[in-house]
């Protein structure tokens, strides 16, 4: 009986993190205050733009990586990149951690010439390709 109480208490303590665990939201993340955008069903969409009150919004192409599809959406105010959001991204913890770093570097560099994030190299390369496609589509 002396051992039963600590075993029950430790078992419950070990299960609490499992009960509180919440899986990520299926691979799409919005990092701006814009409304959620449903990714297109095509595997390779070309960059398309539309105007909004905050500037011109352009979608990059969907880049299929070994980890999963990557697609960005870029908001421009004139020639400046004002916001970047991920429409599609691999559902992986390293990708989730890398996305804010990639977006911050993009806003600072104002181009797709940014460094890859260590541990998320494949996603970083897909991000840069989709970002460059959006920048190119904005200029067209």
C-alpha atoms as a PDB file:
ATOM      1  CA  UNK A   1       0.000   0.000   0.000  1.00  0.00           C
ATOM      2  CA  UNK A   2       2.909   2.364   0.713  1.00  0.00           C
ATOM      3  CA  UNK A   3       4.061   2.086  -2.906  1.00  0.00           C
ATOM      4  CA  UNK A   4       0.617   2.343  -4.486  1.00  0.00           C
ATOM      5  CA  UNK A   5       0.059   6.029  -3.707  1.00  0.00           C
ATOM      6  CA  UNK A   6       3.361   7.282  -5.232  1.00  0.00           C
ATOM      7  CA  UNK A   7       2.833   5.040  -8.277  1.00  0.00           C
ATOM      8  CA  UNK A   8      -0.666   6.478  -8.872  1.00  0.00           C
ATOM      9  CA  UNK A   9       0.508  10.069  -8.330  1.00  0.00           C
ATOM     10  CA  UNK A  10       3.484   9.698 -10.672  1.00  0.00           C
ATOM     11  CA  UNK A  11       1.348   7.964 -13.296  1.00  0.00           C
ATOM     12  CA  UNK A  12      -1.130  10.835 -13.283  1.00  0.00           C
ATOM     13  CA  UNK A  13       1.716  13.377 -13.408  1.00  0.00           C
ATOM     14  CA  UNK A  14       3.139  11.558 -16.427  1.00  0.00           C
ATOM     15  CA  UNK A  15      -0.206  11.605 -18.244  1.00  0.00           C
ATOM     16  CA  UNK A  16      -0.930  15.320 -17.755  1.00  0.00           C
ATOM     17  CA  UNK A  17       1.319  16.415 -20.689  1.00  0.00           C
ATOM     18  CA  UNK A  18      -0.389  13.842 -22.910  1.00  0.00           C
ATOM     19  CA  UNK A  19      -3.830  15.188 -21.999  1.00  0.00           C
ATOM     20  CA  UNK A  20      -2.736  18.788 -22.595  1.00  0.00           C
ATOM     21  CA  UNK A  21      -1.043  18.077 -25.952  1.00  0.00           C
ATOM     22  CA  UNK A  22      -2.619  19.891 -28.913  1.00  0.00           C
ATOM     23  CA  UNK A  23      -1.438  18.920 -32.413  1.00  0.00           C
ATOM     24  CA  UNK A  24      -0.613  21.663 -34.894  1.00  0.00           C
ATOM     25  CA  UNK A  25      -3.249  22.965 -37.287  1.00  0.00           C
ATOM     26  CA  UNK A  26      -2.750  20.715 -40.321  1.00  0.00           C
ATOM     27  CA  UNK A  27       0.207  22.421 -41.970  1.00  0.00           C
ATOM     28  CA  UNK A  28      -1.090  25.916 -42.690  1.00  0.00           C
ATOM     29  CA  UNK A  29      -0.032  28.924 -40.724  1.00  0.00           C
ATOM     30  CA  UNK A  30      -0.912  32.553 -41.126  1.00  0.00           C
ATOM     31  CA  UNK A  31       1.644  34.929 -39.650  1.00  0.00           C
ATOM     32  CA  UNK A  32      -0.136  38.172 -40.422  1.00  0.00           C
ATOM     33  CA  UNK A  33      -3.405  39.665 -39.284  1.00  0.00           C
ATOM     34  CA  UNK A  34      -4.991  38.863 -42.633  1.00  0.00           C
ATOM     35  CA  UNK A  35      -7.931  36.447 -42.818  1.00  0.00           C
ATOM     36  CA  UNK A  36      -7.122  32.776 -43.233  1.00  0.00           C
ATOM     37  CA  UNK A  37      -6.588  31.725 -46.823  1.00  0.00           C
ATOM     38  CA  UNK A  38      -7.492  28.305 -48.105  1.00  0.00           C
ATOM     39  CA  UNK A  39      -4.690  26.863 -50.237  1.00  0.00           C
ATOM     40  CA  UNK A  40      -5.538  26.133 -53.834  1.00  0.00           C
ATOM     41  CA  UNK A  41      -6.107  22.503 -54.694  1.00  0.00           C
ATOM     42  CA  UNK A  42      -3.705  22.507 -57.613  1.00  0.00           C
ATOM     43  CA  UNK A  43      -0.229  21.209 -56.929  1.00  0.00           C
ATOM     44  CA  UNK A  44       1.429  23.982 -58.883  1.00  0.00           C
ATOM     45  CA  UNK A  45      -0.389  27.286 -59.013  1.00  0.00           C
ATOM     46  CA  UNK A  46       1.184  30.186 -60.796  1.00  0.00           C
ATOM     47  CA  UNK A  47       1.662  33.469 -58.992  1.00  0.00           C
ATOM     48  CA  UNK A  48      -1.521  35.479 -59.039  1.00  0.00           C
ATOM     49  CA  UNK A  49      -2.056  38.923 -57.629  1.00  0.00           C
ATOM     50  CA  UNK A  50      -4.943  40.940 -56.329  1.00  0.00           C
ATOM     51  CA  UNK A  51      -5.229  44.382 -54.827  1.00  0.00           C
ATOM     52  CA  UNK A  52      -6.365  44.990 -51.293  1.00  0.00           C
ATOM     53  CA  UNK A  53      -6.522  47.973 -48.978  1.00  0.00           C
ATOM     54  CA  UNK A  54      -3.084  47.113 -47.585  1.00  0.00           C
ATOM     55  CA  UNK A  55      -1.384  46.647 -50.951  1.00  0.00           C
ATOM     56  CA  UNK A  56      -0.955  44.109 -53.702  1.00  0.00           C
ATOM     57  CA  UNK A  57      -1.172  40.476 -52.571  1.00  0.00           C
ATOM     58  CA  UNK A  58       0.681  37.883 -54.649  1.00  0.00           C
ATOM     59  CA  UNK A  59       0.802  34.120 -54.189  1.00  0.00           C
ATOM     60  CA  UNK A  60       4.012  32.260 -54.931  1.00  0.00           C
ATOM     61  CA  UNK A  61       4.054  28.935 -56.707  1.00  0.00           C
ATOM     62  CA  UNK A  62       3.590  25.753 -54.712  1.00  0.00           C
ATOM     63  CA  UNK A  63       6.984  24.085 -54.326  1.00  0.00           C
ATOM     64  CA  UNK A  64       6.862  20.371 -53.579  1.00  0.00           C
ATOM     65  CA  UNK A  65       9.719  19.439 -51.240  1.00  0.00           C
ATOM     66  CA  UNK A  66      10.698  16.129 -49.668  1.00  0.00           C
ATOM     67  CA  UNK A  67       8.977  17.279 -46.460  1.00  0.00           C
ATOM     68  CA  UNK A  68       5.786  18.531 -48.146  1.00  0.00           C
ATOM     69  CA  UNK A  69       4.432  21.455 -50.186  1.00  0.00           C
ATOM     70  CA  UNK A  70       5.512  25.033 -49.484  1.00  0.00           C
ATOM     71  CA  UNK A  71       3.655  28.116 -50.729  1.00  0.00           C
ATOM     72  CA  UNK A  72       3.874  31.730 -49.613  1.00  0.00           C
ATOM     73  CA  UNK A  73       1.692  34.771 -50.063  1.00  0.00           C
ATOM     74  CA  UNK A  74       3.377  38.166 -50.170  1.00  0.00           C
ATOM     75  CA  UNK A  75       1.800  41.584 -49.592  1.00  0.00           C
ATOM     76  CA  UNK A  76       3.473  44.523 -51.308  1.00  0.00           C
ATOM     77  CA  UNK A  77       3.084  48.261 -50.699  1.00  0.00           C
ATOM     78  CA  UNK A  78       4.639  49.689 -53.816  1.00  0.00           C
ATOM     79  CA  UNK A  79       7.949  47.854 -54.174  1.00  0.00           C
ATOM     80  CA  UNK A  80       8.248  47.020 -50.459  1.00  0.00           C
ATOM     81  CA  UNK A  81       7.347  43.646 -48.980  1.00  0.00           C
ATOM     82  CA  UNK A  82       5.073  44.443 -46.048  1.00  0.00           C
ATOM     83  CA  UNK A  83       3.893  40.955 -45.057  1.00  0.00           C
ATOM     84  CA  UNK A  84       4.532  37.297 -45.845  1.00  0.00           C
ATOM     85  CA  UNK A  85       2.290  34.408 -44.854  1.00  0.00           C
ATOM     86  CA  UNK A  86       2.549  30.691 -45.403  1.00  0.00           C
ATOM     87  CA  UNK A  87      -0.330  29.199 -47.355  1.00  0.00           C
ATOM     88  CA  UNK A  88       1.176  25.711 -47.277  1.00  0.00           C
ATOM     89  CA  UNK A  89       3.994  24.277 -45.226  1.00  0.00           C
ATOM     90  CA  UNK A  90       5.132  20.859 -44.028  1.00  0.00           C
ATOM     91  CA  UNK A  91       3.605  19.811 -40.718  1.00  0.00           C
ATOM     92  CA  UNK A  92       6.906  19.457 -38.894  1.00  0.00           C
ATOM     93  CA  UNK A  93       8.193  21.086 -35.675  1.00  0.00           C
ATOM     94  CA  UNK A  94      11.391  22.352 -37.314  1.00  0.00           C
ATOM     95  CA  UNK A  95       9.370  23.991 -40.087  1.00  0.00           C
ATOM     96  CA  UNK A  96       7.051  25.616 -37.575  1.00  0.00           C
ATOM     97  CA  UNK A  97      10.051  27.050 -35.745  1.00  0.00           C
ATOM     98  CA  UNK A  98      11.749  28.182 -38.979  1.00  0.00           C
ATOM     99  CA  UNK A  99       8.847  30.081 -40.563  1.00  0.00           C
ATOM    100  CA  UNK A 100       8.986  33.179 -38.299  1.00  0.00           C
ATOM    101  CA  UNK A 101      12.748  33.429 -38.886  1.00  0.00           C
ATOM    102  CA  UNK A 102      12.321  33.172 -42.661  1.00  0.00           C
ATOM    103  CA  UNK A 103       9.599  35.816 -42.666  1.00  0.00           C
ATOM    104  CA  UNK A 104      11.636  38.187 -40.485  1.00  0.00           C
ATOM    105  CA  UNK A 105      14.653  37.826 -42.778  1.00  0.00           C
ATOM    106  CA  UNK A 106      12.462  38.418 -45.833  1.00  0.00           C
ATOM    107  CA  UNK A 107      11.036  41.631 -44.389  1.00  0.00           C
ATOM    108  CA  UNK A 108      14.523  42.830 -43.506  1.00  0.00           C
ATOM    109  CA  UNK A 109      16.183  41.867 -46.818  1.00  0.00           C
ATOM    110  CA  UNK A 110      13.178  42.827 -48.993  1.00  0.00           C
ATOM    111  CA  UNK A 111      14.117  39.985 -51.343  1.00  0.00           C
ATOM    112  CA  UNK A 112      14.391  36.209 -51.591  1.00  0.00           C
ATOM    113  CA  UNK A 113      18.152  36.454 -51.033  1.00  0.00           C
ATOM    114  CA  UNK A 114      18.030  35.203 -47.434  1.00  0.00           C
ATOM    115  CA  UNK A 115      19.826  32.548 -45.398  1.00  0.00           C
ATOM    116  CA  UNK A 116      18.355  29.096 -44.870  1.00  0.00           C
ATOM    117  CA  UNK A 117      17.350  28.149 -41.343  1.00  0.00           C
ATOM    118  CA  UNK A 118      19.500  25.414 -39.847  1.00  0.00           C
ATOM    119  CA  UNK A 119      17.469  22.256 -39.293  1.00  0.00           C
ATOM    120  CA  UNK A 120      14.863  23.277 -41.865  1.00  0.00           C
ATOM    121  CA  UNK A 121      17.025  23.533 -44.969  1.00  0.00           C
ATOM    122  CA  UNK A 122      14.576  21.763 -47.297  1.00  0.00           C
ATOM    123  CA  UNK A 123      11.668  23.947 -46.212  1.00  0.00           C
ATOM    124  CA  UNK A 124      13.875  27.059 -46.392  1.00  0.00           C
ATOM    125  CA  UNK A 125      14.790  26.316 -50.005  1.00  0.00           C
ATOM    126  CA  UNK A 126      11.141  25.736 -50.929  1.00  0.00           C
ATOM    127  CA  UNK A 127      10.194  28.964 -49.147  1.00  0.00           C
ATOM    128  CA  UNK A 128      12.812  30.937 -51.087  1.00  0.00           C
ATOM    129  CA  UNK A 129      11.659  29.463 -54.424  1.00  0.00           C
ATOM    130  CA  UNK A 130       7.995  30.284 -53.724  1.00  0.00           C
ATOM    131  CA  UNK A 131       8.958  33.755 -52.459  1.00  0.00           C
ATOM    132  CA  UNK A 132      11.011  34.475 -55.584  1.00  0.00           C
ATOM    133  CA  UNK A 133       8.093  33.346 -57.773  1.00  0.00           C
ATOM    134  CA  UNK A 134       5.784  35.773 -55.936  1.00  0.00           C
ATOM    135  CA  UNK A 135       8.289  38.619 -56.330  1.00  0.00           C
ATOM    136  CA  UNK A 136       8.646  37.813 -60.043  1.00  0.00           C
ATOM    137  CA  UNK A 137       4.851  37.628 -60.496  1.00  0.00           C
ATOM    138  CA  UNK A 138       4.445  41.041 -58.828  1.00  0.00           C
ATOM    139  CA  UNK A 139       6.814  42.568 -61.352  1.00  0.00           C
ATOM    140  CA  UNK A 140       5.014  41.000 -64.325  1.00  0.00           C
END
